[in-house]
Amino acid sequence: MVHEPFIQTEDDLLLIPEWEKHGRHIIAGFTTRLGGIGQTPYHSLNVGLHVSDDDSIVIKNRQLVSVKLDFPVEQWVIGEQIHDSNIKKVSRSDWGKGALSLNSAINGVDGLYTKDKDTLLVSLYADCVPLYFFAPKHEMIGLAHAGWKGTVGKIGPKMIEMWKNEGIDINDILVIIGPSIGQEEYEVDANVIRAVDQALPQTEAPPYIESRPGHFLLDLKTLNKQLLIEAGLPSNCVKTSQYCTARRTDLFFSHRKEQGKTGRMMSFIGMKS
């Protein structure tokens, strides 16, 4: 039986309860599309400022989430997310960046990490893969936004390498691969598969199957896990959510399933003092 690392709360959030046992006052999880004030096609908890929704509604939705998490929006940190593999270490001095406006987000990054408490790392999704990183012994947390470009750009392994350079033993790092589009719903062309083949060692089983001539169903979650393990992360330190954003549009926004006109969920991770 596959263990699902996320549980849904009464507030319609998905949380990672197993990380709370480490006693570091950590909160980590993923929002759903439920419990907000937005209207169709952004119904209802859209937290993305870049999808042509009313900014004032998006900000109110973010404030609703901040209350649910008991984490002030002024202490959130959000990157620009350009579908690349750039990562930045942030601190309390970055509080508020990207939280209430697009132009204040940290430029050119899809990955964030920190050791500073009371800092909530946030990134936004509607099918791409959220990667959560936690090193309990070192009180380090991180997030990475992994679309297919960031994935083949090895944003996950790059986070691991940066943490190793911070003096963290790779065996002390835990990773959870969050809700995202599943293989059955994610068809890509041969150009994407060529990039996947270049990123993945030939010894690994391909995380895709041909669906029709020149097109393939790609398992982005499995690809990210394969790349993390290839980078040296023990397989028992990686857990994967079974939630598919495209199959559960009752619970999630899906860019692919809803043909591009939809809202965004957010991943989040923070440590409280």
Protein backbone atom coordinates (compact mmCIF):
# COMPACT_ATOMS: atom_id res chain seq x y z
CA MET A 1 0.00 0.00 0.00
CA VAL A 2 1.38 3.41 -0.99
CA HIS A 3 1.61 5.92 1.84
CA GLU A 4 0.17 9.36 1.02
CA PRO A 5 2.30 11.99 2.82
CA PHE A 6 -0.42 14.68 2.68
CA ILE A 7 -3.62 14.81 4.71
CA GLN A 8 -6.56 17.13 4.01
CA THR A 9 -7.63 19.32 6.91
CA GLU A 10 -10.99 20.86 7.75
CA ASP A 11 -9.62 24.12 6.31
CA ASP A 12 -9.23 22.42 2.89
CA LEU A 13 -5.44 22.49 3.12
CA LEU A 14 -3.14 19.55 2.50
CA LEU A 15 -0.50 19.24 5.22
CA ILE A 16 2.53 17.00 5.75
CA PRO A 17 1.98 15.72 9.31
CA GLU A 18 4.95 13.36 9.47
CA TRP A 19 7.43 16.24 9.39
CA GLU A 20 5.82 17.81 12.45
CA LYS A 21 7.10 14.93 14.59
CA HIS A 22 10.61 16.37 14.38
CA GLY A 23 9.57 19.05 16.87
CA ARG A 24 10.92 21.98 14.90
CA HIS A 25 7.55 23.78 14.76
CA ILE A 26 7.48 23.13 11.04
CA ILE A 27 4.45 23.68 8.83
CA ALA A 28 4.47 22.34 5.28
CA GLY A 29 1.78 21.62 2.74
CA PHE A 30 -0.27 22.61 -0.27
CA THR A 31 -3.43 24.63 -0.76
CA THR A 32 -6.42 23.33 -2.69
CA ARG A 33 -8.82 25.36 -4.85
CA LEU A 34 -11.39 25.29 -2.03
CA GLY A 35 -12.26 27.84 0.63
CA GLY A 36 -11.64 31.13 -1.20
CA ILE A 37 -13.69 33.98 -2.64
CA GLY A 38 -12.78 33.81 -6.35
CA GLN A 39 -15.27 33.33 -9.18
CA THR A 40 -15.20 31.09 -12.27
CA PRO A 41 -12.73 30.20 -13.79
CA TYR A 42 -10.70 30.97 -10.64
CA HIS A 43 -13.17 29.41 -8.23
CA SER A 44 -12.37 29.74 -5.44
CA LEU A 45 -9.00 29.90 -3.63
CA ASN A 46 -6.80 31.23 -6.43
CA VAL A 47 -3.53 32.51 -4.94
CA GLY A 48 -1.77 33.28 -8.25
CA LEU A 49 -1.26 36.95 -9.16
CA HIS A 50 -0.11 36.13 -12.69
CA VAL A 51 -3.25 34.53 -14.18
CA SER A 52 -5.38 37.62 -15.05
CA ASP A 53 -7.56 37.29 -11.97
CA ASP A 54 -8.52 40.36 -9.94
CA ASP A 55 -5.42 41.14 -7.85
CA SER A 56 -7.50 42.33 -4.90
CA ILE A 57 -9.30 38.96 -4.76
CA VAL A 58 -6.01 37.05 -5.00
CA ILE A 59 -4.54 39.08 -2.15
CA LYS A 60 -7.64 38.44 -0.02
CA ASN A 61 -7.26 34.73 -0.75
CA ARG A 62 -3.61 34.86 0.31
CA GLN A 63 -4.66 36.60 3.50
CA LEU A 64 -7.22 33.84 4.12
CA VAL A 65 -4.42 31.28 3.78
CA SER A 66 -2.20 33.28 6.12
CA VAL A 67 -4.90 33.11 8.79
CA LYS A 68 -5.37 29.35 8.28
CA LEU A 69 -1.61 28.83 8.65
CA ASP A 70 -1.16 31.45 11.38
CA PHE A 71 1.69 32.80 9.26
CA PRO A 72 1.47 36.52 8.35
CA VAL A 73 1.60 37.19 4.61
CA GLU A 74 4.25 39.84 5.32
CA GLN A 75 6.62 36.97 6.23
CA TRP A 76 6.14 35.02 3.01
CA VAL A 77 8.88 34.81 0.36
CA ILE A 78 8.06 33.98 -3.29
CA GLY A 79 10.27 33.64 -6.35
CA GLU A 80 9.47 34.77 -9.87
CA GLN A 81 9.27 31.17 -11.23
CA ILE A 82 10.58 31.25 -14.80
CA HIS A 83 10.57 27.45 -15.36
CA ASP A 84 14.31 27.21 -14.89
CA SER A 85 16.52 25.65 -12.22
CA ASN A 86 17.92 28.67 -10.36
CA ILE A 87 17.86 28.51 -6.55
CA LYS A 88 18.42 31.20 -3.93
CA LYS A 89 19.06 31.08 -0.21
CA VAL A 90 16.79 33.60 1.51
CA SER A 91 16.51 35.12 4.96
CA ARG A 92 14.28 37.32 7.08
CA SER A 93 15.54 40.27 5.06
CA ASP A 94 13.52 38.86 2.13
CA TRP A 95 10.23 38.85 4.01
CA GLY A 96 7.33 40.04 1.88
CA LYS A 97 9.00 39.59 -1.49
CA GLY A 98 6.35 38.44 -3.96
CA ALA A 99 3.72 38.23 -1.23
CA LEU A 100 1.49 41.11 -2.25
CA SER A 101 2.73 41.96 -5.74
CA LEU A 102 4.31 40.24 -8.73
CA ASN A 103 7.04 42.82 -9.28
CA SER A 104 8.45 42.33 -5.79
CA ALA A 105 9.10 38.58 -6.25
CA ILE A 106 12.71 37.38 -6.23
CA ASN A 107 13.84 37.57 -9.84
CA GLY A 108 14.67 34.51 -11.90
CA VAL A 109 14.37 31.77 -9.28
CA ASP A 110 12.28 28.61 -9.03
CA GLY A 111 13.87 27.32 -5.84
CA LEU A 112 14.20 28.82 -2.35
CA TYR A 113 15.75 27.64 0.90
CA THR A 114 16.42 29.06 4.35
CA LYS A 115 17.45 28.39 7.93
CA ASP A 116 15.63 31.48 9.21
CA LYS A 117 12.61 30.81 11.39
CA ASP A 118 9.29 32.60 10.93
CA THR A 119 9.93 32.69 7.16
CA LEU A 120 7.35 31.00 4.93
CA LEU A 121 8.68 29.83 1.57
CA VAL A 122 5.94 29.80 -1.07
CA SER A 123 5.65 28.76 -4.72
CA LEU A 124 2.71 28.49 -7.09
CA TYR A 125 1.28 25.58 -9.13
CA ALA A 126 -1.38 24.30 -11.48
CA ASP A 127 0.18 20.96 -12.60
CA CYS A 128 3.97 21.37 -12.13
CA VAL A 129 5.75 19.41 -9.41
CA PRO A 130 6.38 20.91 -5.96
CA LEU A 131 9.51 19.56 -4.26
CA TYR A 132 9.77 19.98 -0.48
CA PHE A 133 13.14 19.71 1.29
CA PHE A 134 13.77 19.37 5.03
CA ALA A 135 16.92 18.62 7.03
CA PRO A 136 15.65 18.33 10.62
CA LYS A 137 19.08 18.06 12.28
CA HIS A 138 20.20 21.27 10.60
CA GLU A 139 16.85 23.12 10.64
CA MET A 140 17.03 23.83 6.91
CA ILE A 141 13.96 23.96 4.69
CA GLY A 142 13.50 24.41 0.93
CA LEU A 143 11.03 24.45 -1.94
CA ALA A 144 11.53 23.90 -5.66
CA HIS A 145 9.07 24.45 -8.52
CA ALA A 146 9.71 21.71 -11.08
CA GLY A 147 7.95 21.90 -14.42
CA TRP A 148 9.48 19.72 -17.11
CA LYS A 149 12.15 22.32 -17.90
CA GLY A 150 13.17 22.73 -14.27
CA THR A 151 13.08 18.98 -13.79
CA VAL A 152 15.45 18.19 -16.68
CA GLY A 153 17.50 21.17 -15.52
CA LYS A 154 17.92 19.14 -12.31
CA ILE A 155 16.54 21.69 -9.88
CA GLY A 156 16.08 18.91 -7.31
CA PRO A 157 19.69 17.67 -7.45
CA LYS A 158 20.90 21.30 -7.48
CA MET A 159 19.12 21.91 -4.18
CA ILE A 160 20.78 18.80 -2.74
CA GLU A 161 24.19 20.00 -3.92
CA MET A 162 23.71 23.46 -2.43
CA TRP A 163 22.75 21.94 0.91
CA LYS A 164 25.80 19.68 0.83
CA ASN A 165 27.86 22.84 0.32
CA GLU A 166 26.17 24.20 3.45
CA GLY A 167 27.65 21.27 5.37
CA ILE A 168 24.54 19.08 5.40
CA ASP A 169 25.03 15.33 5.02
CA ILE A 170 22.90 14.01 2.16
CA ASN A 171 21.57 11.28 4.47
CA ASP A 172 20.03 13.99 6.67
CA ILE A 173 17.87 15.41 3.86
CA LEU A 174 14.20 14.47 3.47
CA VAL A 175 12.25 15.20 0.28
CA ILE A 176 8.54 15.02 -0.48
CA ILE A 177 7.25 15.24 -4.04
CA GLY A 178 3.90 16.98 -3.89
CA PRO A 179 0.59 16.99 -5.80
CA SER A 180 1.03 17.53 -9.54
CA ILE A 181 -0.17 16.23 -12.88
CA GLY A 182 -0.03 12.44 -13.19
CA GLN A 183 1.42 10.43 -16.02
CA GLU A 184 -1.97 9.48 -17.47
CA GLU A 185 -2.82 13.15 -18.03
CA TYR A 186 0.55 14.53 -19.13
CA GLU A 187 1.24 14.02 -22.83
CA VAL A 188 4.40 15.59 -24.26
CA ASP A 189 6.16 15.59 -27.62
CA ALA A 190 9.48 14.07 -28.69
CA ASN A 191 11.41 17.28 -27.98
CA VAL A 192 10.57 16.98 -24.28
CA ILE A 193 11.48 13.30 -24.25
CA ARG A 194 14.88 14.05 -25.82
CA ALA A 195 15.57 16.44 -22.93
CA VAL A 196 14.41 13.79 -20.44
CA ASP A 197 16.73 11.18 -21.99
CA GLN A 198 19.68 13.58 -21.77
CA ALA A 199 19.00 14.28 -18.08
CA LEU A 200 18.38 10.71 -16.99
CA PRO A 201 21.11 8.05 -16.78
CA GLN A 202 20.67 5.25 -19.29
CA THR A 203 20.56 2.75 -16.43
CA GLU A 204 17.19 4.10 -15.30
CA ALA A 205 13.89 2.82 -16.66
CA PRO A 206 12.31 5.58 -18.76
CA PRO A 207 9.53 7.40 -16.85
CA TYR A 208 7.38 7.62 -19.97
CA ILE A 209 5.43 5.49 -22.43
CA GLU A 210 4.49 6.21 -26.04
CA SER A 211 0.85 7.24 -26.35
CA ARG A 212 0.75 7.80 -30.12
CA PRO A 213 3.40 8.42 -32.79
CA GLY A 214 5.74 11.18 -31.61
CA HIS A 215 3.90 11.67 -28.30
CA PHE A 216 4.48 10.25 -24.85
CA LEU A 217 2.91 10.13 -21.39
CA LEU A 218 5.53 11.47 -18.98
CA ASP A 219 5.63 10.77 -15.25
CA LEU A 220 7.19 13.97 -13.89
CA LYS A 221 7.02 12.80 -10.28
CA THR A 222 8.95 9.62 -11.02
CA LEU A 223 11.48 11.53 -13.12
CA ASN A 224 12.16 13.90 -10.23
CA LYS A 225 12.58 10.99 -7.84
CA GLN A 226 14.97 9.22 -10.23
CA LEU A 227 17.10 12.35 -10.56
CA LEU A 228 17.20 12.89 -6.77
CA ILE A 229 18.30 9.29 -6.19
CA GLU A 230 20.89 9.58 -8.96
CA ALA A 231 22.21 12.62 -7.05
CA GLY A 232 22.81 10.37 -4.05
CA LEU A 233 19.67 10.84 -1.97
CA PRO A 234 18.66 7.52 -0.35
CA SER A 235 15.42 6.22 -1.83
CA ASN A 236 13.84 5.91 1.62
CA CYS A 237 14.32 9.67 2.10
CA VAL A 238 11.98 10.49 -0.82
CA LYS A 239 8.20 10.18 -0.60
CA THR A 240 5.71 10.96 -3.35
CA SER A 241 2.12 12.21 -3.24
CA GLN A 242 -0.42 10.26 -5.26
CA TYR A 243 -2.63 13.31 -5.88
CA CYS A 244 -3.05 14.19 -9.58
CA THR A 245 -4.05 17.80 -10.16
CA ALA A 246 -5.56 17.06 -13.58
CA ARG A 247 -7.73 14.19 -12.36
CA ARG A 248 -8.95 16.06 -9.28
CA THR A 249 -10.19 19.39 -10.60
CA ASP A 250 -12.77 19.24 -7.81
CA LEU A 251 -9.80 19.79 -5.47
CA PHE A 252 -7.09 21.43 -7.59
CA PHE A 253 -6.57 23.90 -10.41
CA SER A 254 -5.11 22.27 -13.53
CA HIS A 255 -3.56 24.28 -16.36
CA ARG A 256 -3.62 21.26 -18.68
CA LYS A 257 -7.12 20.00 -17.87
CA GLU A 258 -8.72 23.45 -17.77
CA GLN A 259 -7.00 24.56 -20.97
CA GLY A 260 -4.87 27.29 -19.44
CA LYS A 261 -7.60 29.46 -17.91
CA THR A 262 -7.46 28.62 -14.24
CA GLY A 263 -6.04 29.62 -10.87
CA ARG A 264 -3.03 28.51 -8.86
CA MET A 265 -2.41 26.61 -5.64
CA MET A 266 0.62 27.25 -3.45
CA SER A 267 3.12 25.01 -1.76
CA PHE A 268 4.47 26.29 1.53
CA ILE A 269 7.02 25.42 4.18
CA GLY A 270 8.18 27.33 7.23
CA MET A 271 9.58 26.92 10.75
CA LYS A 272 8.12 28.90 13.62
CA SER A 273 10.26 30.11 16.48
